[in-house]
Amino acid sequence: MIKTHLHKPDLGPRLLLVEITESMVLNDVAEVISQVNDIRSLGVRVAIDDFAIGYPSFGLLDQIPTDILKLDRLFMKDLETQRRSTIVHAIIIMATNLGMDVIVEGVETKEDVSD
């Protein structure tokens, strides 16, 4: 299906982002890895959505080659607490060091960014 849409003149592979959730991976990790590799070979970027709300979170980063990590908005709640802020910063640094872009869902104000 992705290959079909990539042939449209107004949709290049860098304009398409495929998101997978942690729960999708639980059923068959090997199959998901294979599909992600196929998708990325087309030049399409892949994101892990709702990161850190499911069970296998950190294991996914090691197993599944993705381009973007989307940190779930639940982590933006109570960000003013030192523990929560430290966790968010650590995840962002880790993902960045792995060569991934990071999207933090729920960032809506300048104050959210500076936290």
PDB file of N, CA and C in Angstrom:
ATOM      1  N   MET A   1       0.821  -1.185   0.000  1.00  0.00           N
ATOM      2  CA  MET A   1       0.000   0.000   0.000  1.00  0.00           C
ATOM      3  C   MET A   1       0.875   1.262   0.000  1.00  0.00           C
ATOM      4  N   ILE A   2       1.953   1.263   0.790  1.00  0.00           N
ATOM      5  CA  ILE A   2       2.828   2.426   0.844  1.00  0.00           C
ATOM      6  C   ILE A   2       3.486   2.659  -0.504  1.00  0.00           C
ATOM      7  N   LYS A   3       3.964   1.595  -1.128  1.00  0.00           N
ATOM      8  CA  LYS A   3       4.616   1.727  -2.432  1.00  0.00           C
ATOM      9  C   LYS A   3       3.678   2.369  -3.450  1.00  0.00           C
ATOM     10  N   THR A   4       2.408   2.001  -3.422  1.00  0.00           N
ATOM     11  CA  THR A   4       1.424   2.546  -4.345  1.00  0.00           C
ATOM     12  C   THR A   4       1.304   4.052  -4.178  1.00  0.00           C
ATOM     13  N   HIS A   5       1.231   4.516  -2.949  1.00  0.00           N
ATOM     14  CA  HIS A   5       1.046   5.945  -2.695  1.00  0.00           C
ATOM     15  C   HIS A   5       2.306   6.758  -2.960  1.00  0.00           C
ATOM     16  N   LEU A   6       3.464   6.147  -2.866  1.00  0.00           N
ATOM     17  CA  LEU A   6       4.703   6.877  -3.101  1.00  0.00           C
ATOM     18  C   LEU A   6       4.874   7.273  -4.554  1.00  0.00           C
ATOM     19  N   HIS A   7       4.142   6.657  -5.440  1.00  0.00           N
ATOM     20  CA  HIS A   7       4.243   6.992  -6.861  1.00  0.00           C
ATOM     21  C   HIS A   7       3.436   8.231  -7.221  1.00  0.00           C
ATOM     22  N   LYS A   8       2.658   8.753  -6.289  1.00  0.00           N
ATOM     23  CA  LYS A   8       1.906   9.980  -6.551  1.00  0.00           C
ATOM     24  C   LYS A   8       2.883  11.150  -6.594  1.00  0.00           C
ATOM     25  N   PRO A   9       2.671  12.069  -7.522  1.00  0.00           N
ATOM     26  CA  PRO A   9       3.651  13.150  -7.714  1.00  0.00           C
ATOM     27  C   PRO A   9       3.819  14.073  -6.509  1.00  0.00           C
ATOM     28  N   ASP A  10       2.802  14.225  -5.692  1.00  0.00           N
ATOM     29  CA  ASP A  10       2.893  15.161  -4.573  1.00  0.00           C
ATOM     30  C   ASP A  10       3.258  14.478  -3.245  1.00  0.00           C
ATOM     31  N   LEU A  11       3.643  13.209  -3.300  1.00  0.00           N
ATOM     32  CA  LEU A  11       3.981  12.507  -2.069  1.00  0.00           C
ATOM     33  C   LEU A  11       5.306  11.761  -2.226  1.00  0.00           C
ATOM     34  N   GLY A  12       6.345  12.382  -1.774  1.00  0.00           N
ATOM     35  CA  GLY A  12       7.644  11.718  -1.773  1.00  0.00           C
ATOM     36  C   GLY A  12       7.818  10.973  -0.456  1.00  0.00           C
ATOM     37  N   PRO A  13       8.759  10.057  -0.391  1.00  0.00           N
ATOM     38  CA  PRO A  13       8.927   9.245   0.812  1.00  0.00           C
ATOM     39  C   PRO A  13       9.253  10.055   2.064  1.00  0.00           C
ATOM     40  N   ARG A  14       9.958  11.172   1.935  1.00  0.00           N
ATOM     41  CA  ARG A  14      10.308  11.968   3.112  1.00  0.00           C
ATOM     42  C   ARG A  14       9.115  12.737   3.663  1.00  0.00           C
ATOM     43  N   LEU A  15       8.021  12.787   2.907  1.00  0.00           N
ATOM     44  CA  LEU A  15       6.814  13.465   3.383  1.00  0.00           C
ATOM     45  C   LEU A  15       5.873  12.527   4.121  1.00  0.00           C
ATOM     46  N   LEU A  16       6.201  11.252   4.114  1.00  0.00           N
ATOM     47  CA  LEU A  16       5.345  10.253   4.741  1.00  0.00           C
ATOM     48  C   LEU A  16       5.996   9.762   6.029  1.00  0.00           C
ATOM     49  N   LEU A  17       5.203   9.632   7.065  1.00  0.00           N
ATOM     50  CA  LEU A  17       5.664   9.116   8.345  1.00  0.00           C
ATOM     51  C   LEU A  17       4.726   7.996   8.766  1.00  0.00           C
ATOM     52  N   VAL A  18       5.287   6.833   9.016  1.00  0.00           N
ATOM     53  CA  VAL A  18       4.504   5.698   9.489  1.00  0.00           C
ATOM     54  C   VAL A  18       4.751   5.567  10.988  1.00  0.00           C
ATOM     55  N   GLU A  19       3.670   5.518  11.751  1.00  0.00           N
ATOM     56  CA  GLU A  19       3.790   5.403  13.197  1.00  0.00           C
ATOM     57  C   GLU A  19       3.409   4.001  13.637  1.00  0.00           C
ATOM     58  N   ILE A  20       4.206   3.466  14.541  1.00  0.00           N
ATOM     59  CA  ILE A  20       3.867   2.184  15.154  1.00  0.00           C
ATOM     60  C   ILE A  20       3.762   2.409  16.650  1.00  0.00           C
ATOM     61  N   THR A  21       2.912   1.648  17.282  1.00  0.00           N
ATOM     62  CA  THR A  21       2.788   1.737  18.734  1.00  0.00           C
ATOM     63  C   THR A  21       3.443   0.522  19.363  1.00  0.00           C
ATOM     64  N   GLU A  22       3.785   0.674  20.615  1.00  0.00           N
ATOM     65  CA  GLU A  22       4.417  -0.427  21.328  1.00  0.00           C
ATOM     66  C   GLU A  22       3.543  -1.682  21.308  1.00  0.00           C
ATOM     67  N   SER A  23       2.243  -1.498  21.436  1.00  0.00           N
ATOM     68  CA  SER A  23       1.350  -2.658  21.489  1.00  0.00           C
ATOM     69  C   SER A  23       1.349  -3.431  20.168  1.00  0.00           C
ATOM     70  N   MET A  24       1.602  -2.755  19.047  1.00  0.00           N
ATOM     71  CA  MET A  24       1.660  -3.432  17.755  1.00  0.00           C
ATOM     72  C   MET A  24       2.823  -4.418  17.715  1.00  0.00           C
ATOM     73  N   VAL A  25       3.885  -4.077  18.385  1.00  0.00           N
ATOM     74  CA  VAL A  25       5.106  -4.870  18.341  1.00  0.00           C
ATOM     75  C   VAL A  25       4.971  -6.155  19.150  1.00  0.00           C
ATOM     76  N   LEU A  26       4.183  -6.123  20.183  1.00  0.00           N
ATOM     77  CA  LEU A  26       4.082  -7.263  21.091  1.00  0.00           C
ATOM     78  C   LEU A  26       3.654  -8.550  20.411  1.00  0.00           C
ATOM     79  N   ASN A  27       2.835  -8.442  19.377  1.00  0.00           N
ATOM     80  CA  ASN A  27       2.310  -9.644  18.728  1.00  0.00           C
ATOM     81  C   ASN A  27       3.380 -10.440  18.006  1.00  0.00           C
ATOM     82  N   ASP A  28       4.277  -9.763  17.280  1.00  0.00           N
ATOM     83  CA  ASP A  28       5.297 -10.468  16.500  1.00  0.00           C
ATOM     84  C   ASP A  28       6.455  -9.510  16.228  1.00  0.00           C
ATOM     85  N   VAL A  29       7.414  -9.471  17.130  1.00  0.00           N
ATOM     86  CA  VAL A  29       8.524  -8.529  17.027  1.00  0.00           C
ATOM     87  C   VAL A  29       9.297  -8.721  15.734  1.00  0.00           C
ATOM     88  N   ALA A  30       9.591  -9.959  15.373  1.00  0.00           N
ATOM     89  CA  ALA A  30      10.369 -10.234  14.160  1.00  0.00           C
ATOM     90  C   ALA A  30       9.650  -9.712  12.912  1.00  0.00           C
ATOM     91  N   GLU A  31       8.361  -9.891  12.835  1.00  0.00           N
ATOM     92  CA  GLU A  31       7.585  -9.416  11.686  1.00  0.00           C
ATOM     93  C   GLU A  31       7.576  -7.894  11.631  1.00  0.00           C
ATOM     94  N   VAL A  32       7.429  -7.254  12.768  1.00  0.00           N
ATOM     95  CA  VAL A  32       7.426  -5.791  12.799  1.00  0.00           C
ATOM     96  C   VAL A  32       8.787  -5.252  12.377  1.00  0.00           C
ATOM     97  N   ILE A  33       9.867  -5.857  12.852  1.00  0.00           N
ATOM     98  CA  ILE A  33      11.205  -5.434  12.455  1.00  0.00           C
ATOM     99  C   ILE A  33      11.374  -5.558  10.947  1.00  0.00           C
ATOM    100  N   SER A  34      10.920  -6.653  10.380  1.00  0.00           N
ATOM    101  CA  SER A  34      11.000  -6.864   8.939  1.00  0.00           C
ATOM    102  C   SER A  34      10.220  -5.795   8.181  1.00  0.00           C
ATOM    103  N   GLN A  35       9.003  -5.516   8.622  1.00  0.00           N
ATOM    104  CA  GLN A  35       8.173  -4.516   7.954  1.00  0.00           C
ATOM    105  C   GLN A  35       8.759  -3.116   8.090  1.00  0.00           C
ATOM    106  N   VAL A  36       9.288  -2.797   9.265  1.00  0.00           N
ATOM    107  CA  VAL A  36       9.901  -1.481   9.469  1.00  0.00           C
ATOM    108  C   VAL A  36      11.110  -1.329   8.544  1.00  0.00           C
ATOM    109  N   ASN A  37      11.920  -2.353   8.441  1.00  0.00           N
ATOM    110  CA  ASN A  37      13.067  -2.297   7.539  1.00  0.00           C
ATOM    111  C   ASN A  37      12.627  -2.098   6.088  1.00  0.00           C
ATOM    112  N   ASP A  38      11.569  -2.784   5.681  1.00  0.00           N
ATOM    113  CA  ASP A  38      11.034  -2.624   4.330  1.00  0.00           C
ATOM    114  C   ASP A  38      10.551  -1.190   4.086  1.00  0.00           C
ATOM    115  N   ILE A  39       9.839  -0.650   5.062  1.00  0.00           N
ATOM    116  CA  ILE A  39       9.303   0.711   4.942  1.00  0.00           C
ATOM    117  C   ILE A  39      10.447   1.723   4.868  1.00  0.00           C
ATOM    118  N   ARG A  40      11.430   1.567   5.730  1.00  0.00           N
ATOM    119  CA  ARG A  40      12.559   2.502   5.739  1.00  0.00           C
ATOM    120  C   ARG A  40      13.394   2.398   4.464  1.00  0.00           C
ATOM    121  N   SER A  41      13.431   1.211   3.871  1.00  0.00           N
ATOM    122  CA  SER A  41      14.188   1.052   2.619  1.00  0.00           C
ATOM    123  C   SER A  41      13.559   1.856   1.483  1.00  0.00           C
ATOM    124  N   LEU A  42      12.293   2.215   1.626  1.00  0.00           N
ATOM    125  CA  LEU A  42      11.603   3.048   0.634  1.00  0.00           C
ATOM    126  C   LEU A  42      11.892   4.531   0.843  1.00  0.00           C
ATOM    127  N   GLY A  43      12.597   4.859   1.930  1.00  0.00           N
ATOM    128  CA  GLY A  43      12.874   6.255   2.255  1.00  0.00           C
ATOM    129  C   GLY A  43      11.832   6.875   3.156  1.00  0.00           C
ATOM    130  N   VAL A  44      10.890   6.068   3.634  1.00  0.00           N
ATOM    131  CA  VAL A  44       9.833   6.540   4.516  1.00  0.00           C
ATOM    132  C   VAL A  44      10.333   6.456   5.959  1.00  0.00           C
ATOM    133  N   ARG A  45      10.041   7.503   6.723  1.00  0.00           N
ATOM    134  CA  ARG A  45      10.456   7.513   8.125  1.00  0.00           C
ATOM    135  C   ARG A  45       9.428   6.783   8.984  1.00  0.00           C
ATOM    136  N   VAL A  46       9.920   6.193  10.071  1.00  0.00           N
ATOM    137  CA  VAL A  46       9.072   5.425  10.980  1.00  0.00           C
ATOM    138  C   VAL A  46       9.231   5.983  12.391  1.00  0.00           C
ATOM    139  N   ALA A  47       8.112   6.117  13.086  1.00  0.00           N
ATOM    140  CA  ALA A  47       8.111   6.635  14.449  1.00  0.00           C
ATOM    141  C   ALA A  47       7.510   5.615  15.397  1.00  0.00           C
ATOM    142  N   ILE A  48       8.038   5.584  16.603  1.00  0.00           N
ATOM    143  CA  ILE A  48       7.390   4.843  17.688  1.00  0.00           C
ATOM    144  C   ILE A  48       6.486   5.837  18.388  1.00  0.00           C
ATOM    145  N   ASP A  49       5.192   5.590  18.361  1.00  0.00           N
ATOM    146  CA  ASP A  49       4.207   6.496  18.946  1.00  0.00           C
ATOM    147  C   ASP A  49       3.873   6.062  20.372  1.00  0.00           C
ATOM    148  N   ASP A  50       3.493   7.023  21.185  1.00  0.00           N
ATOM    149  CA  ASP A  50       3.080   6.773  22.575  1.00  0.00           C
ATOM    150  C   ASP A  50       4.170   6.062  23.365  1.00  0.00           C
ATOM    151  N   PHE A  51       5.414   6.449  23.144  1.00  0.00           N
ATOM    152  CA  PHE A  51       6.529   5.807  23.822  1.00  0.00           C
ATOM    153  C   PHE A  51       6.409   5.961  25.325  1.00  0.00           C
ATOM    154  N   ALA A  52       6.792   4.914  26.020  1.00  0.00           N
ATOM    155  CA  ALA A  52       6.926   4.880  27.474  1.00  0.00           C
ATOM    156  C   ALA A  52       5.616   4.700  28.228  1.00  0.00           C
ATOM    157  N   ILE A  53       4.554   4.320  27.542  1.00  0.00           N
ATOM    158  CA  ILE A  53       3.337   4.009  28.289  1.00  0.00           C
ATOM    159  C   ILE A  53       3.049   2.518  28.278  1.00  0.00           C
ATOM    160  N   GLY A  54       3.767   1.774  27.456  1.00  0.00           N
ATOM    161  CA  GLY A  54       3.570   0.336  27.380  1.00  0.00           C
ATOM    162  C   GLY A  54       4.706  -0.413  28.034  1.00  0.00           C
ATOM    163  N   TYR A  55       4.622  -1.694  28.027  1.00  0.00           N
ATOM    164  CA  TYR A  55       5.585  -2.553  28.705  1.00  0.00           C
ATOM    165  C   TYR A  55       6.990  -2.548  28.110  1.00  0.00           C
ATOM    166  N   PRO A  56       7.171  -2.769  26.803  1.00  0.00           N
ATOM    167  CA  PRO A  56       8.518  -3.016  26.301  1.00  0.00           C
ATOM    168  C   PRO A  56       9.328  -1.776  25.919  1.00  0.00           C
ATOM    169  N   SER A  57       8.912  -0.615  26.288  1.00  0.00           N
ATOM    170  CA  SER A  57       9.456   0.653  25.821  1.00  0.00           C
ATOM    171  C   SER A  57      10.923   0.662  25.421  1.00  0.00           C
ATOM    172  N   PHE A  58      11.821   0.493  26.353  1.00  0.00           N
ATOM    173  CA  PHE A  58      13.237   0.650  26.047  1.00  0.00           C
ATOM    174  C   PHE A  58      13.778  -0.481  25.179  1.00  0.00           C
ATOM    175  N   GLY A  59      13.221  -1.657  25.296  1.00  0.00           N
ATOM    176  CA  GLY A  59      13.639  -2.764  24.444  1.00  0.00           C
ATOM    177  C   GLY A  59      13.372  -2.485  22.978  1.00  0.00           C
ATOM    178  N   LEU A  60      12.330  -1.708  22.690  1.00  0.00           N
ATOM    179  CA  LEU A  60      12.007  -1.368  21.308  1.00  0.00           C
ATOM    180  C   LEU A  60      13.105  -0.538  20.664  1.00  0.00           C
ATOM    181  N   LEU A  61      13.697   0.338  21.429  1.00  0.00           N
ATOM    182  CA  LEU A  61      14.720   1.218  20.873  1.00  0.00           C
ATOM    183  C   LEU A  61      15.922   0.434  20.378  1.00  0.00           C
ATOM    184  N   ASP A  62      16.192  -0.671  21.021  1.00  0.00           N
ATOM    185  CA  ASP A  62      17.328  -1.500  20.641  1.00  0.00           C
ATOM    186  C   ASP A  62      16.993  -2.425  19.472  1.00  0.00           C
ATOM    187  N   GLN A  63      15.739  -2.829  19.365  1.00  0.00           N
ATOM    188  CA  GLN A  63      15.352  -3.838  18.381  1.00  0.00           C
ATOM    189  C   GLN A  63      14.810  -3.283  17.077  1.00  0.00           C
ATOM    190  N   ILE A  64      14.066  -2.198  17.144  1.00  0.00           N
ATOM    191  CA  ILE A  64      13.350  -1.726  15.964  1.00  0.00           C
ATOM    192  C   ILE A  64      13.987  -0.436  15.450  1.00  0.00           C
ATOM    193  N   PRO A  65      14.474  -0.464  14.207  1.00  0.00           N
ATOM    194  CA  PRO A  65      15.147   0.711  13.650  1.00  0.00           C
ATOM    195  C   PRO A  65      14.146   1.800  13.267  1.00  0.00           C
ATOM    196  N   THR A  66      14.012   2.797  14.112  1.00  0.00           N
ATOM    197  CA  THR A  66      13.061   3.870  13.825  1.00  0.00           C
ATOM    198  C   THR A  66      13.775   5.208  13.775  1.00  0.00           C
ATOM    199  N   ASP A  67      13.105   6.199  13.224  1.00  0.00           N
ATOM    200  CA  ASP A  67      13.672   7.517  13.019  1.00  0.00           C
ATOM    201  C   ASP A  67      13.225   8.536  14.058  1.00  0.00           C
ATOM    202  N   ILE A  68      12.040   8.317  14.594  1.00  0.00           N
ATOM    203  CA  ILE A  68      11.425   9.301  15.480  1.00  0.00           C
ATOM    204  C   ILE A  68      10.856   8.592  16.707  1.00  0.00           C
ATOM    205  N   LEU A  69      10.997   9.241  17.838  1.00  0.00           N
ATOM    206  CA  LEU A  69      10.399   8.746  19.068  1.00  0.00           C
ATOM    207  C   LEU A  69       9.380   9.781  19.518  1.00  0.00           C
ATOM    208  N   LYS A  70       8.136   9.366  19.650  1.00  0.00           N
ATOM    209  CA  LYS A  70       7.088  10.267  20.119  1.00  0.00           C
ATOM    210  C   LYS A  70       6.783   9.920  21.570  1.00  0.00           C
ATOM    211  N   LEU A  71       7.170  10.819  22.443  1.00  0.00           N
ATOM    212  CA  LEU A  71       6.967  10.626  23.875  1.00  0.00           C
ATOM    213  C   LEU A  71       5.523  10.976  24.215  1.00  0.00           C
ATOM    214  N   ASP A  72       4.840  10.072  24.860  1.00  0.00           N
ATOM    215  CA  ASP A  72       3.422  10.249  25.145  1.00  0.00           C
ATOM    216  C   ASP A  72       3.166  11.467  26.022  1.00  0.00           C
ATOM    217  N   ARG A  73       2.036  12.107  25.780  1.00  0.00           N
ATOM    218  CA  ARG A  73       1.675  13.320  26.514  1.00  0.00           C
ATOM    219  C   ARG A  73       1.510  13.088  28.014  1.00  0.00           C
ATOM    220  N   LEU A  74       1.329  11.859  28.443  1.00  0.00           N
ATOM    221  CA  LEU A  74       1.223  11.594  29.876  1.00  0.00           C
ATOM    222  C   LEU A  74       2.465  12.065  30.624  1.00  0.00           C
ATOM    223  N   PHE A  75       3.595  12.074  29.938  1.00  0.00           N
ATOM    224  CA  PHE A  75       4.824  12.513  30.581  1.00  0.00           C
ATOM    225  C   PHE A  75       4.887  14.015  30.761  1.00  0.00           C
ATOM    226  N   MET A  76       4.035  14.764  30.100  1.00  0.00           N
ATOM    227  CA  MET A  76       4.017  16.209  30.260  1.00  0.00           C
ATOM    228  C   MET A  76       3.245  16.619  31.511  1.00  0.00           C
ATOM    229  N   LYS A  77       2.440  15.727  32.037  1.00  0.00           N
ATOM    230  CA  LYS A  77       1.726  16.032  33.279  1.00  0.00           C
ATOM    231  C   LYS A  77       2.730  16.027  34.424  1.00  0.00           C
ATOM    232  N   ASP A  78       2.596  16.960  35.305  1.00  0.00           N
ATOM    233  CA  ASP A  78       3.464  17.060  36.478  1.00  0.00           C
ATOM    234  C   ASP A  78       4.931  17.202  36.098  1.00  0.00           C
ATOM    235  N   LEU A  79       5.199  17.847  34.972  1.00  0.00           N
ATOM    236  CA  LEU A  79       6.579  18.003  34.529  1.00  0.00           C
ATOM    237  C   LEU A  79       7.367  18.911  35.471  1.00  0.00           C
ATOM    238  N   GLU A  80       6.643  19.676  36.273  1.00  0.00           N
ATOM    239  CA  GLU A  80       7.342  20.560  37.193  1.00  0.00           C
ATOM    240  C   GLU A  80       8.022  19.785  38.328  1.00  0.00           C
ATOM    241  N   THR A  81       7.680  18.542  38.519  1.00  0.00           N
ATOM    242  CA  THR A  81       8.373  17.755  39.538  1.00  0.00           C
ATOM    243  C   THR A  81       9.742  17.346  39.015  1.00  0.00           C
ATOM    244  N   GLN A  82      10.727  17.331  39.885  1.00  0.00           N
ATOM    245  CA  GLN A  82      12.094  17.024  39.488  1.00  0.00           C
ATOM    246  C   GLN A  82      12.217  15.632  38.898  1.00  0.00           C
ATOM    247  N   ARG A  83      11.550  14.665  39.479  1.00  0.00           N
ATOM    248  CA  ARG A  83      11.648  13.290  38.986  1.00  0.00           C
ATOM    249  C   ARG A  83      11.113  13.181  37.567  1.00  0.00           C
ATOM    250  N   ARG A  84       9.935  13.744  37.325  1.00  0.00           N
ATOM    251  CA  ARG A  84       9.324  13.663  35.997  1.00  0.00           C
ATOM    252  C   ARG A  84      10.179  14.389  34.967  1.00  0.00           C
ATOM    253  N   SER A  85      10.648  15.552  35.322  1.00  0.00           N
ATOM    254  CA  SER A  85      11.485  16.326  34.416  1.00  0.00           C
ATOM    255  C   SER A  85      12.773  15.571  34.083  1.00  0.00           C
ATOM    256  N   THR A  86      13.367  14.938  35.064  1.00  0.00           N
ATOM    257  CA  THR A  86      14.592  14.176  34.843  1.00  0.00           C
ATOM    258  C   THR A  86      14.348  13.006  33.898  1.00  0.00           C
ATOM    259  N   ILE A  87      13.232  12.321  34.054  1.00  0.00           N
ATOM    260  CA  ILE A  87      12.897  11.190  33.183  1.00  0.00           C
ATOM    261  C   ILE A  87      12.724  11.664  31.740  1.00  0.00           C
ATOM    262  N   VAL A  88      11.981  12.741  31.541  1.00  0.00           N
ATOM    263  CA  VAL A  88      11.748  13.261  30.192  1.00  0.00           C
ATOM    264  C   VAL A  88      13.065  13.684  29.549  1.00  0.00           C
ATOM    265  N   HIS A  89      13.886  14.394  30.282  1.00  0.00           N
ATOM    266  CA  HIS A  89      15.175  14.836  29.740  1.00  0.00           C
ATOM    267  C   HIS A  89      16.052  13.639  29.386  1.00  0.00           C
ATOM    268  N   ALA A  90      16.060  12.619  30.236  1.00  0.00           N
ATOM    269  CA  ALA A  90      16.883  11.426  29.976  1.00  0.00           C
ATOM    270  C   ALA A  90      16.421  10.711  28.712  1.00  0.00           C
ATOM    271  N   ILE A  91      15.118  10.586  28.526  1.00  0.00           N
ATOM    272  CA  ILE A  91      14.591   9.928  27.324  1.00  0.00           C
ATOM    273  C   ILE A  91      14.955  10.725  26.077  1.00  0.00           C
ATOM    274  N   ILE A  92      14.839  12.041  26.151  1.00  0.00           N
ATOM    275  CA  ILE A  92      15.177  12.888  25.004  1.00  0.00           C
ATOM    276  C   ILE A  92      16.658  12.759  24.657  1.00  0.00           C
ATOM    277  N   ILE A  93      17.519  12.804  25.648  1.00  0.00           N
ATOM    278  CA  ILE A  93      18.963  12.672  25.409  1.00  0.00           C
ATOM    279  C   ILE A  93      19.286  11.299  24.828  1.00  0.00           C
ATOM    280  N   MET A  94      18.686  10.260  25.396  1.00  0.00           N
ATOM    281  CA  MET A  94      18.939   8.901  24.920  1.00  0.00           C
ATOM    282  C   MET A  94      18.517   8.753  23.459  1.00  0.00           C
ATOM    283  N   ALA A  95      17.315   9.196  23.127  1.00  0.00           N
ATOM    284  CA  ALA A  95      16.819   9.069  21.756  1.00  0.00           C
ATOM    285  C   ALA A  95      17.686   9.880  20.793  1.00  0.00           C
ATOM    286  N   THR A  96      18.051  11.068  21.194  1.00  0.00           N
ATOM    287  CA  THR A  96      18.903  11.912  20.362  1.00  0.00           C
ATOM    288  C   THR A  96      20.249  11.238  20.121  1.00  0.00           C
ATOM    289  N   ASN A  97      20.826  10.660  21.156  1.00  0.00           N
ATOM    290  CA  ASN A  97      22.107   9.966  21.008  1.00  0.00           C
ATOM    291  C   ASN A  97      21.990   8.727  20.127  1.00  0.00           C
ATOM    292  N   LEU A  98      20.790   8.183  20.002  1.00  0.00           N
ATOM    293  CA  LEU A  98      20.549   7.053  19.114  1.00  0.00           C
ATOM    294  C   LEU A  98      20.260   7.513  17.679  1.00  0.00           C
ATOM    295  N   GLY A  99      20.326   8.816  17.456  1.00  0.00           N
ATOM    296  CA  GLY A  99      20.109   9.364  16.115  1.00  0.00           C
ATOM    297  C   GLY A  99      18.646   9.555  15.764  1.00  0.00           C
ATOM    298  N   MET A 100      17.793   9.579  16.758  1.00  0.00           N
ATOM    299  CA  MET A 100      16.365   9.723  16.521  1.00  0.00           C
ATOM    300  C   MET A 100      15.926  11.161  16.768  1.00  0.00           C
ATOM    301  N   ASP A 101      14.944  11.619  16.005  1.00  0.00           N
ATOM    302  CA  ASP A 101      14.268  12.868  16.321  1.00  0.00           C
ATOM    303  C   ASP A 101      13.279  12.557  17.434  1.00  0.00           C
ATOM    304  N   VAL A 102      12.919  13.571  18.211  1.00  0.00           N
ATOM    305  CA  VAL A 102      12.005  13.376  19.333  1.00  0.00           C
ATOM    306  C   VAL A 102      10.841  14.342  19.205  1.00  0.00           C
ATOM    307  N   ILE A 103       9.643  13.805  19.352  1.00  0.00           N
ATOM    308  CA  ILE A 103       8.431  14.618  19.427  1.00  0.00           C
ATOM    309  C   ILE A 103       7.839  14.371  20.811  1.00  0.00           C
ATOM    310  N   VAL A 104       7.637  15.453  21.555  1.00  0.00           N
ATOM    311  CA  VAL A 104       7.029  15.324  22.879  1.00  0.00           C
ATOM    312  C   VAL A 104       5.598  15.816  22.746  1.00  0.00           C
ATOM    313  N   GLU A 105       4.672  14.887  22.783  1.00  0.00           N
ATOM    314  CA  GLU A 105       3.261  15.246  22.642  1.00  0.00           C
ATOM    315  C   GLU A 105       2.818  16.007  23.881  1.00  0.00           C
ATOM    316  N   GLY A 106       2.015  17.025  23.674  1.00  0.00           N
ATOM    317  CA  GLY A 106       1.515  17.807  24.799  1.00  0.00           C
ATOM    318  C   GLY A 106       2.308  19.071  25.049  1.00  0.00           C
ATOM    319  N   VAL A 107       3.373  19.310  24.294  1.00  0.00           N
ATOM    320  CA  VAL A 107       4.105  20.563  24.418  1.00  0.00           C
ATOM    321  C   VAL A 107       3.318  21.613  23.651  1.00  0.00           C
ATOM    322  N   GLU A 108       2.769  22.580  24.381  1.00  0.00           N
ATOM    323  CA  GLU A 108       1.888  23.529  23.749  1.00  0.00           C
ATOM    324  C   GLU A 108       2.236  24.991  24.046  1.00  0.00           C
ATOM    325  N   THR A 109       3.092  25.215  25.032  1.00  0.00           N
ATOM    326  CA  THR A 109       3.452  26.583  25.398  1.00  0.00           C
ATOM    327  C   THR A 109       4.963  26.699  25.503  1.00  0.00           C
ATOM    328  N   LYS A 110       5.456  27.955  25.556  1.00  0.00           N
ATOM    329  CA  LYS A 110       6.887  28.187  25.757  1.00  0.00           C
ATOM    330  C   LYS A 110       7.344  27.602  27.091  1.00  0.00           C
ATOM    331  N   GLU A 111       6.488  27.685  28.075  1.00  0.00           N
ATOM    332  CA  GLU A 111       6.818  27.156  29.397  1.00  0.00           C
ATOM    333  C   GLU A 111       7.031  25.643  29.345  1.00  0.00           C
ATOM    334  N   ASP A 112       6.236  24.949  28.528  1.00  0.00           N
ATOM    335  CA  ASP A 112       6.391  23.502  28.374  1.00  0.00           C
ATOM    336  C   ASP A 112       7.771  23.174  27.810  1.00  0.00           C
ATOM    337  N   VAL A 113       8.237  23.982  26.874  1.00  0.00           N
ATOM    338  CA  VAL A 113       9.531  23.735  26.242  1.00  0.00           C
ATOM    339  C   VAL A 113      10.657  23.990  27.238  1.00  0.00           C
ATOM    340  N   SER A 114      10.535  25.022  28.032  1.00  0.00           N
ATOM    341  CA  SER A 114      11.618  25.362  28.954  1.00  0.00           C
ATOM    342  C   SER A 114      11.681  24.428  30.143  1.00  0.00           C
ATOM    343  N   ASP A 115      10.590  23.737  30.442  1.00  0.00           N
ATOM    344  CA  ASP A 115      10.606  22.784  31.556  1.00  0.00           C
ATOM    345  C   ASP A 115      11.532  21.657  31.202  1.00  0.00           C
TER     346      ASP A 115
END
